[in-house]
Amino acid sequence: MSRRCSVALRRARSSRSRCAAGRPVARLGPADRSRERRRDVDRETLRAILADTPVDGGFAADIASMRDAEAKVGDPWEHH
């Protein structure tokens, strides 16, 4: 079982398309997007896009409430 999983993971990393019996059956990528060509952007363009994107005012509160709802764990670096 472990060997088959390793083979499947290596194949998944090597390609964005999945084939069965030599025929394409799936494409890996964002589910909410139709097929589109990848576009690389430079750092300054990305920074400008992020700077112009409004921040959701409730986002930080949502994250804080989710963290508060999680079970507390001890310090993983602390020796017992």
Protein backbone atom coordinates (compact mmCIF):
# COMPACT_ATOMS: atom_id res chain seq x y z
CA MET A 1 0.00 0.00 0.00
CA SER A 2 2.73 2.47 0.99
CA ARG A 3 4.63 1.86 -2.23
CA ARG A 4 1.52 2.49 -4.34
CA CYS A 5 0.86 5.75 -2.50
CA SER A 6 4.44 6.87 -3.09
CA VAL A 7 4.15 6.12 -6.81
CA ALA A 8 0.84 8.01 -7.03
CA LEU A 9 2.31 11.02 -5.21
CA ARG A 10 5.36 11.11 -7.48
CA ARG A 11 3.10 11.00 -10.53
CA ALA A 12 0.88 13.75 -9.13
CA ARG A 13 3.88 16.00 -8.56
CA SER A 14 5.20 15.44 -12.07
CA SER A 15 2.11 16.59 -13.96
CA ARG A 16 -1.05 18.65 -13.59
CA SER A 17 -3.11 16.15 -15.61
CA ARG A 18 -4.27 12.70 -14.55
CA CYS A 19 -4.67 9.88 -17.05
CA ALA A 20 -6.38 6.51 -16.81
CA ALA A 21 -5.71 3.91 -19.47
CA GLY A 22 -3.80 6.56 -21.42
CA ARG A 23 -6.72 9.02 -21.54
CA PRO A 24 -6.85 12.32 -19.62
CA VAL A 25 -9.50 12.14 -16.88
CA ALA A 26 -8.65 15.04 -14.55
CA ARG A 27 -6.66 18.23 -14.29
CA LEU A 28 -5.19 19.44 -11.00
CA GLY A 29 -5.74 23.08 -10.15
CA PRO A 30 -8.16 25.52 -8.55
CA ALA A 31 -11.69 24.10 -8.69
CA ASP A 32 -13.34 27.50 -9.04
CA ARG A 33 -11.52 28.45 -12.22
CA SER A 34 -12.07 27.36 -15.76
CA ARG A 35 -9.03 26.43 -17.77
CA GLU A 36 -6.82 29.43 -18.03
CA ARG A 37 -3.23 30.00 -18.92
CA ARG A 38 -0.89 30.63 -16.00
CA ARG A 39 0.40 34.17 -15.76
CA ASP A 40 3.51 35.03 -13.81
CA VAL A 41 3.73 38.52 -12.36
CA ASP A 42 6.67 40.43 -10.96
CA ARG A 43 6.98 41.31 -7.27
CA GLU A 44 5.97 44.96 -7.71
CA THR A 45 2.78 44.03 -9.57
CA LEU A 46 1.83 41.54 -6.86
CA ARG A 47 2.49 44.11 -4.14
CA ALA A 48 0.32 46.65 -5.99
CA ILE A 49 -2.52 44.12 -6.33
CA LEU A 50 -2.35 43.28 -2.61
CA ALA A 51 -2.14 46.96 -1.63
CA ASP A 52 -5.27 47.73 -3.69
CA THR A 53 -7.23 44.76 -2.29
CA PRO A 54 -9.50 45.79 0.58
CA VAL A 55 -8.99 43.95 3.85
CA ASP A 56 -11.98 42.17 5.36
CA GLY A 57 -12.51 43.89 8.70
CA GLY A 58 -13.82 40.71 10.35
CA PHE A 59 -11.02 38.44 9.19
CA ALA A 60 -8.77 38.89 12.23
CA ALA A 61 -11.72 38.39 14.58
CA ASP A 62 -12.73 35.22 12.72
CA ILE A 63 -9.21 33.80 13.01
CA ALA A 64 -9.04 34.71 16.71
CA SER A 65 -12.36 33.01 17.44
CA MET A 66 -11.28 29.85 15.60
CA ARG A 67 -8.05 29.76 17.56
CA ASP A 68 -9.92 30.25 20.83
CA ALA A 69 -12.24 27.35 19.95
CA GLU A 70 -9.31 24.95 19.38
CA ALA A 71 -8.10 22.72 22.18
CA LYS A 72 -5.07 24.19 23.90
CA VAL A 73 -1.78 22.34 23.46
CA GLY A 74 1.34 22.66 25.54
CA ASP A 75 4.64 24.04 24.39
CA PRO A 76 6.12 21.38 22.07
CA TRP A 77 9.64 22.47 23.04
CA GLU A 78 9.03 22.15 26.77
CA HIS A 79 10.45 18.96 28.29
CA HIS A 80 8.23 17.17 30.77
